[in-house]
Structures are given as C-alpha cells and as structure tokens.
Amino acid sequence: ATNFWLESKIDSARADLVDARVALGRLSGRVEPEVGATCAEAEGQLLEAEGHADSGVVLLRRALSLTEEDSNAMRTLTLTYNLAEVLRQGGRTREAVPYVRRVLAGLDAAGYGDTEKVPNAVSLLWFSLVELGEFVALDSSLQALIREYEAAHGAGRVPTAIAFFYGYGKLRLGELDSADLWIGRAARDTTQHQGTLVDYLPAALSQLRLDQGRVAQARDVVARLPADRRGQRASAAMLRARLRRLEGESAGASALLERELSVLLSDGQPALTWFAMPLATAGEWR
C-alpha cells in the first residue's frame, strides 16, 4: 500500500488495506509494534492521498511512536521521513523541516552518509525550504553538507542531486556564477537521481540563462521545458514569457503568462506554491 501511495495508485492502495484490515482482525492477542506501525503508516498515507492529511499525520505519529518503542533505528528514520512528507503534502511544510533534519542526522550517525538515502532526504529538505522561501537556510544547510562530502572525496565530488539543489539555491539568491558552476556539474552527470533532474533541471537552466541574458542558450533550453504537471506548466509559461520579453515582445510576454495562469487558477484544483513566482512575475509586469 505504501508503494502504491508513492506511485499515486490510490485505488490499489485502498484495496490492499481492505485485505490488511481483514488479516489484522484475525490476529489473536497483542499486535506486535512493527505490525501496528506498518498498518498505521499505510492508513495515514491513504488518508493524506484522499485529502485528509491532518488525520493521516495523527496515524503516522502513532506509527512512529510504535517503531520507537520497538527500537528499530532504520525503520524509525523511514517513518520519520514519511511523516515529514505527509506534513508537507498537507500544507504543514514548516512542521516537516525538523523531521527531515532529524532524518539526515540519523543517517549520518548510522553510517549511511555515502548512500543514496542522503540525497533522497535532502530532496525533501530542498522541496520544503524552497516552498517556504527559506533560501538562506537552504544554502547554509547544503553548504555544510557539501563541505563534508568534499572533505571525504575531494573538491566538487558530491552527489549529483545535491549539486543541483545547491546550485538552484544559489540561483534563487542571485549568485549566478556559483549557480552556473553547481547546476553545470549536475547537468553533466545524468546518471543519478533521474526523477529530480528530469523534472527540475530544465527549468533551473532556463532561469539561469535568462538571468545571465544569454538569449540563444535560453531559447534552446526553454524549448525543452517539461509541462506535464500543473507546477511545471506554470513555470514553463513564466520562462517562455521571460524569453519573449527578453526578445523585445513585452506585451506578448504578459499575455502569454496571464493566459496560462488564468487556466491553471480556474481548473478547480488547489493552488500550488510553484505558482508563486509566475504570479509575482505577472503582477510585476502588469
């Protein structure tokens, strides 16, 4: 059920949980903490997916307390991560951040500092701090992590995803030379963390080239922007409009951006934090 939740296959998760409840009902005597935690976790994730994130958080916290009672360190870290994700998905992003930091500290203490578990956890920290607009805090956190990687492996030798996250933060802080260096490193190594790079690298590169005023390079990257998801559509519209404005078509740029935002804001679905920059840009131009 948890895997189905991660893949947004909610009907399948719901069906498996029906089977799980029946099986749980056949147990006699005390339910082991790990079993109770697993079931509470899956129930909580399903509630979040069905739009009841606050109720899901209650169950995830119950699952976490059961796992801590069972003294399973890695399971506790996994549940802590999932609790943070449910908090973020439910709009309680600021509450999620301390849990993500706890996961990162726990992975380091348990000897997992050089595994893919760290970039996965950093991705949630990145999402959370970007959504909160906490770019200075993001920069500070990632800088400390990068120093640890470089001390162990040499200058610039950090996981691809973390290089991208750091470069994106520099981009949003307006430090374009540093952004170019770190985003460039991520762009040259496409073997790791494919999901993050495929979804977010093109938009970051587009923004970087536009901020640098490199029109020809920006035109090439903007042409390849993904727009499958609503957040991607908003970002792509903003970047296409910025390119048009840089080419001297101010009125056309505003019309393009406002037209796309009008569609996204009237589709009956919740507004996303990724709409903030396109909306601010449209407002500034108007």
Protein backbone atom coordinates (compact mmCIF):
# COMPACT_ATOMS: atom_id res chain seq x y z
CA ALA A 1 0.00 0.00 0.00
CA THR A 2 2.87 2.35 0.76
CA ASN A 3 4.42 1.69 -2.65
CA PHE A 4 1.06 2.31 -4.32
CA TRP A 5 0.83 5.60 -2.39
CA LEU A 6 4.26 6.64 -3.68
CA GLU A 7 3.11 5.88 -7.23
CA SER A 8 -0.26 7.68 -6.74
CA LYS A 9 -2.16 4.40 -7.36
CA ILE A 10 -4.69 5.16 -4.66
CA ASP A 11 -7.36 2.60 -5.64
CA SER A 12 -4.77 -0.18 -5.40
CA ALA A 13 -3.58 1.08 -2.00
CA ARG A 14 -7.16 1.18 -0.77
CA ALA A 15 -7.83 -2.40 -1.94
CA ASP A 16 -4.71 -3.74 -0.22
CA LEU A 17 -5.65 -2.00 3.00
CA VAL A 18 -9.05 -3.73 2.95
CA ASP A 19 -7.20 -7.07 2.83
CA ALA A 20 -4.84 -5.91 5.57
CA ARG A 21 -7.70 -4.98 7.92
CA VAL A 22 -9.24 -8.42 7.45
CA ALA A 23 -5.92 -10.12 8.18
CA LEU A 24 -5.31 -7.91 11.21
CA GLY A 25 -8.76 -8.77 12.52
CA ARG A 26 -7.87 -12.48 12.52
CA LEU A 27 -4.94 -11.97 14.88
CA SER A 28 -5.43 -13.05 18.47
CA GLY A 29 -3.61 -11.41 21.34
CA ARG A 30 -1.26 -8.44 21.25
CA VAL A 31 -0.30 -6.98 17.87
CA GLU A 32 3.46 -6.57 17.51
CA PRO A 33 4.60 -2.92 17.35
CA GLU A 34 6.11 -3.35 13.87
CA VAL A 35 2.81 -4.72 12.52
CA GLY A 36 0.81 -1.94 14.14
CA ALA A 37 3.25 0.67 12.85
CA THR A 38 3.16 -0.68 9.29
CA CYS A 39 -0.64 -0.64 9.22
CA ALA A 40 -0.93 2.82 10.81
CA GLU A 41 1.62 4.18 8.33
CA ALA A 42 -0.27 2.85 5.30
CA GLU A 43 -3.62 4.07 6.65
CA GLY A 44 -2.15 7.51 7.28
CA GLN A 45 -0.68 7.77 3.79
CA LEU A 46 -4.01 6.78 2.24
CA LEU A 47 -5.81 9.43 4.29
CA GLU A 48 -3.35 12.06 3.01
CA ALA A 49 -3.94 10.96 -0.58
CA GLU A 50 -7.70 11.18 -0.04
CA GLY A 51 -7.41 14.78 1.17
CA HIS A 52 -7.39 14.14 4.93
CA ALA A 53 -3.76 14.95 5.66
CA ASP A 54 -4.30 16.05 9.28
CA SER A 55 -5.85 12.68 10.14
CA GLY A 56 -3.01 10.99 8.26
CA VAL A 57 -0.46 12.86 10.37
CA VAL A 58 -2.09 11.52 13.55
CA LEU A 59 -1.66 7.94 12.31
CA LEU A 60 1.91 8.50 11.09
CA ARG A 61 2.83 9.86 14.51
CA ARG A 62 1.25 6.80 16.11
CA ALA A 63 3.27 4.57 13.77
CA LEU A 64 6.44 6.45 14.68
CA SER A 65 5.86 6.03 18.41
CA LEU A 66 5.28 2.29 17.92
CA THR A 67 8.52 1.96 15.93
CA GLU A 68 10.50 3.88 18.53
CA GLU A 69 9.05 1.54 21.15
CA ASP A 70 10.34 -1.38 19.08
CA SER A 71 13.85 0.18 18.96
CA ASN A 72 14.19 -0.22 15.18
CA ALA A 73 16.52 2.64 14.23
CA MET A 74 16.31 2.46 10.41
CA ARG A 75 12.58 1.85 10.42
CA THR A 76 12.23 4.88 12.70
CA LEU A 77 14.17 7.02 10.20
CA THR A 78 11.99 5.81 7.31
CA LEU A 79 8.81 6.59 9.21
CA THR A 80 10.17 9.99 10.24
CA TYR A 81 10.80 10.75 6.56
CA ASN A 82 7.29 9.63 5.59
CA LEU A 83 5.76 11.71 8.38
CA ALA A 84 7.64 14.75 7.07
CA GLU A 85 6.36 14.05 3.55
CA VAL A 86 2.75 13.77 4.72
CA LEU A 87 3.10 17.01 6.68
CA ARG A 88 4.46 18.76 3.61
CA GLN A 89 1.82 17.31 1.30
CA GLY A 90 -0.80 18.50 3.76
CA GLY A 91 0.47 22.07 3.66
CA ARG A 92 2.23 21.90 7.04
CA THR A 93 5.66 22.36 5.49
CA ARG A 94 7.29 24.27 8.33
CA GLU A 95 6.44 21.42 10.72
CA ALA A 96 8.05 18.97 8.29
CA VAL A 97 11.50 20.59 8.27
CA PRO A 98 12.68 19.49 11.77
CA TYR A 99 11.73 15.90 10.96
CA VAL A 100 13.78 15.96 7.75
CA ARG A 101 16.76 17.36 9.63
CA ARG A 102 16.35 14.55 12.18
CA VAL A 103 16.47 12.01 9.34
CA LEU A 104 19.68 13.50 7.93
CA ALA A 105 21.36 13.50 11.34
CA GLY A 106 20.23 9.91 11.93
CA LEU A 107 21.55 8.69 8.58
CA ASP A 108 24.93 10.24 9.28
CA ALA A 109 25.09 8.74 12.77
CA ALA A 110 24.12 5.29 11.43
CA GLY A 111 26.89 5.33 8.80
CA TYR A 112 24.68 5.95 5.75
CA GLY A 113 26.35 9.25 4.78
CA ASP A 114 27.65 7.93 1.45
CA THR A 115 24.46 6.20 0.33
CA GLU A 116 21.60 7.31 -1.89
CA LYS A 117 19.46 7.68 1.25
CA VAL A 118 21.09 11.09 1.93
CA PRO A 119 20.24 12.75 -1.44
CA ASN A 120 16.71 11.35 -1.11
CA ALA A 121 16.33 13.01 2.28
CA VAL A 122 17.98 16.22 1.06
CA SER A 123 15.44 16.37 -1.77
CA LEU A 124 12.63 16.63 0.80
CA LEU A 125 14.55 19.33 2.69
CA TRP A 126 15.04 21.16 -0.63
CA PHE A 127 11.35 20.97 -1.55
CA SER A 128 10.33 22.16 1.91
CA LEU A 129 12.72 25.12 2.17
CA VAL A 130 12.07 26.21 -1.43
CA GLU A 131 8.33 26.17 -0.79
CA LEU A 132 8.87 28.25 2.36
CA GLY A 133 11.16 30.68 0.53
CA GLU A 134 13.95 29.93 3.03
CA PHE A 135 16.83 30.15 0.55
CA VAL A 136 19.42 31.39 3.04
CA ALA A 137 18.64 28.46 5.36
CA LEU A 138 18.81 26.08 2.39
CA ASP A 139 22.17 27.49 1.32
CA SER A 140 23.61 27.16 4.83
CA SER A 141 22.41 23.57 5.26
CA LEU A 142 23.69 22.39 1.89
CA GLN A 143 27.00 24.21 2.23
CA ALA A 144 27.72 22.32 5.46
CA LEU A 145 26.81 19.02 3.79
CA ILE A 146 28.95 19.75 0.73
CA ARG A 147 31.95 20.53 2.91
CA GLU A 148 31.61 17.07 4.49
CA TYR A 149 31.47 15.39 1.06
CA GLU A 150 34.44 17.36 -0.25
CA ALA A 151 36.49 16.65 2.88
CA ALA A 152 35.94 12.94 2.30
CA HIS A 153 36.11 12.74 -1.51
CA GLY A 154 37.74 15.89 -2.92
CA ALA A 155 36.65 19.24 -4.33
CA GLY A 156 33.37 19.11 -6.23
CA ARG A 157 32.85 15.41 -5.50
CA VAL A 158 29.27 15.48 -4.25
CA PRO A 159 26.15 13.56 -5.33
CA THR A 160 24.62 14.98 -8.50
CA ALA A 161 21.26 15.78 -6.90
CA ILE A 162 22.89 17.68 -4.04
CA ALA A 163 24.98 19.69 -6.53
CA PHE A 164 21.75 20.62 -8.30
CA PHE A 165 19.91 21.54 -5.09
CA TYR A 166 22.82 23.75 -4.02
CA GLY A 167 23.05 25.41 -7.43
CA TYR A 168 19.32 26.06 -7.51
CA GLY A 169 19.53 27.79 -4.15
CA LYS A 170 22.38 29.95 -5.43
CA LEU A 171 20.25 30.81 -8.46
CA ARG A 172 17.37 31.98 -6.29
CA LEU A 173 19.79 34.03 -4.18
CA GLY A 174 21.06 35.76 -7.34
CA GLU A 175 24.57 34.30 -7.11
CA LEU A 176 24.73 33.44 -10.79
CA ASP A 177 28.38 32.40 -11.07
CA SER A 178 28.01 29.85 -8.25
CA ALA A 179 24.68 28.72 -9.68
CA ASP A 180 26.27 28.15 -13.09
CA LEU A 181 29.10 26.12 -11.52
CA TRP A 182 26.89 23.77 -9.48
CA ILE A 183 23.96 23.42 -11.87
CA GLY A 184 26.52 22.77 -14.62
CA ARG A 185 28.02 19.92 -12.60
CA ALA A 186 24.58 18.37 -12.19
CA ALA A 187 23.76 18.80 -15.88
CA ARG A 188 26.94 16.99 -16.93
CA ASP A 189 26.15 13.90 -14.83
CA THR A 190 22.74 12.49 -15.70
CA THR A 191 23.32 9.05 -14.20
CA GLN A 192 21.92 9.81 -10.73
CA HIS A 193 18.60 10.98 -9.28
CA GLN A 194 16.94 10.99 -12.69
CA GLY A 195 13.49 11.98 -11.41
CA THR A 196 14.68 15.22 -9.85
CA LEU A 197 16.93 16.18 -12.75
CA VAL A 198 14.38 15.41 -15.47
CA ASP A 199 11.65 17.36 -13.67
CA TYR A 200 13.55 20.39 -12.40
CA LEU A 201 16.90 20.80 -14.16
CA PRO A 202 15.48 22.21 -17.45
CA ALA A 203 13.58 24.98 -15.63
CA ALA A 204 16.62 25.85 -13.50
CA LEU A 205 18.88 26.00 -16.56
CA SER A 206 16.31 28.14 -18.38
CA GLN A 207 16.08 30.59 -15.48
CA LEU A 208 19.87 30.72 -15.21
CA ARG A 209 20.38 31.51 -18.91
CA LEU A 210 17.63 34.15 -18.82
CA ASP A 211 19.12 35.77 -15.72
CA GLN A 212 22.51 35.80 -17.47
CA GLY A 213 20.97 37.40 -20.56
CA ARG A 214 22.20 34.56 -22.80
CA VAL A 215 19.30 34.66 -25.24
CA ALA A 216 20.43 31.97 -27.70
CA GLN A 217 21.21 29.44 -24.95
CA ALA A 218 17.99 30.31 -23.13
CA ARG A 219 15.98 29.76 -26.31
CA ASP A 220 17.46 26.28 -26.70
CA VAL A 221 16.73 25.21 -23.10
CA VAL A 222 13.27 26.80 -22.91
CA ALA A 223 12.23 24.80 -25.99
CA ARG A 224 12.77 21.58 -24.00
CA LEU A 225 10.86 22.51 -20.83
CA PRO A 226 8.57 19.77 -19.46
CA ALA A 227 4.97 20.82 -18.84
CA ASP A 228 3.20 17.61 -17.81
CA ARG A 229 2.27 18.75 -14.30
CA ARG A 230 0.47 21.91 -13.21
CA GLY A 231 3.51 23.33 -11.42
CA GLN A 232 5.66 22.63 -14.46
CA ARG A 233 3.09 24.33 -16.72
CA ALA A 234 3.19 27.49 -14.61
CA SER A 235 6.98 27.58 -14.52
CA ALA A 236 7.27 26.83 -18.25
CA ALA A 237 4.81 29.60 -19.09
CA MET A 238 6.78 32.09 -16.98
CA LEU A 239 10.08 31.12 -18.59
CA ARG A 240 8.69 31.21 -22.13
CA ALA A 241 7.22 34.63 -21.36
CA ARG A 242 10.52 35.86 -19.89
CA LEU A 243 12.28 34.77 -23.07
CA ARG A 244 9.72 36.60 -25.21
CA ARG A 245 10.17 39.73 -23.09
CA LEU A 246 13.97 39.48 -23.40
CA GLU A 247 13.47 39.34 -27.16
CA GLY A 248 11.55 42.63 -27.01
CA GLU A 249 7.92 41.42 -27.01
CA SER A 250 6.73 42.79 -23.65
CA ALA A 251 3.00 42.81 -24.42
CA GLY A 252 3.08 39.32 -25.89
CA ALA A 253 5.03 38.04 -22.88
CA SER A 254 2.44 39.35 -20.42
CA ALA A 255 -0.45 37.98 -22.47
CA LEU A 256 1.15 34.52 -22.69
CA LEU A 257 1.81 34.29 -18.96
CA GLU A 258 -1.55 35.65 -17.81
CA ARG A 259 -3.45 33.38 -20.20
CA GLU A 260 -1.76 30.24 -18.83
CA LEU A 261 -2.15 31.31 -15.20
CA SER A 262 -5.83 32.04 -15.79
CA VAL A 263 -6.34 28.45 -16.97
CA LEU A 264 -4.40 26.95 -14.05
CA LEU A 265 -6.17 29.05 -11.42
CA SER A 266 -9.64 28.16 -12.71
CA ASP A 267 -9.23 24.39 -13.14
CA GLY A 268 -10.84 23.57 -9.79
CA GLN A 269 -7.64 22.16 -8.27
CA PRO A 270 -5.65 23.61 -5.36
CA ALA A 271 -3.17 26.41 -5.97
CA LEU A 272 0.47 25.32 -5.71
CA THR A 273 3.47 27.05 -4.19
CA TRP A 274 5.11 26.70 -7.62
CA PHE A 275 2.56 29.28 -8.88
CA ALA A 276 4.08 31.98 -6.65
CA MET A 277 6.94 33.11 -8.91
CA PRO A 278 4.82 33.15 -12.11
CA LEU A 279 2.11 35.13 -10.32
CA ALA A 280 4.63 37.61 -8.90
CA THR A 281 6.20 37.98 -12.34
CA ALA A 282 2.83 38.62 -13.99
CA GLY A 283 1.97 41.18 -11.30
CA GLU A 284 5.29 42.98 -11.70
CA TRP A 285 4.88 43.21 -15.46
CA ARG A 286 1.30 44.47 -15.20
